Amino acid sequence: MIRNIHRYMFDDKISLYEIRNSLFLAMFSAEDMLDWNVEWTYDRLEEPIYHLDKKKHACVLDVSTPMGRTVARIFNRLLTRQFGEFGFDVERIDVIGQGLT
């Protein structure tokens, strides 16, 4: 199974606490936008759509589902507003397999 992944890498000056809070805000906003549809509930029960890596100061999002893509759009906007265009880098990766780590 090929999964579409967005990998965000952050400047070391940005705290993981702020990154996590922005991610959760994006997730809650996406839930409201998609009105807690059945597909999102299923996705959420199957496996997580994100992984925060403390050592690499990075975050990985699975954008293979409609919920993941919506979270990524909101997350990108929040990060740009909070940290500016140069506070983080994002790259798109296609991964074969199940895990986000």
Foldseek 3Di string as FASTA:
>chain_A
DKWKKKKKAFDPVDDVVVLVVLLVVLLVVLCVVVVVDPVVVVVVVPDDQKDQDPVRRMMMGTCRDVSRVSSVVSSVVVCCVPQNPPRMDMDMDIDPDDDPD
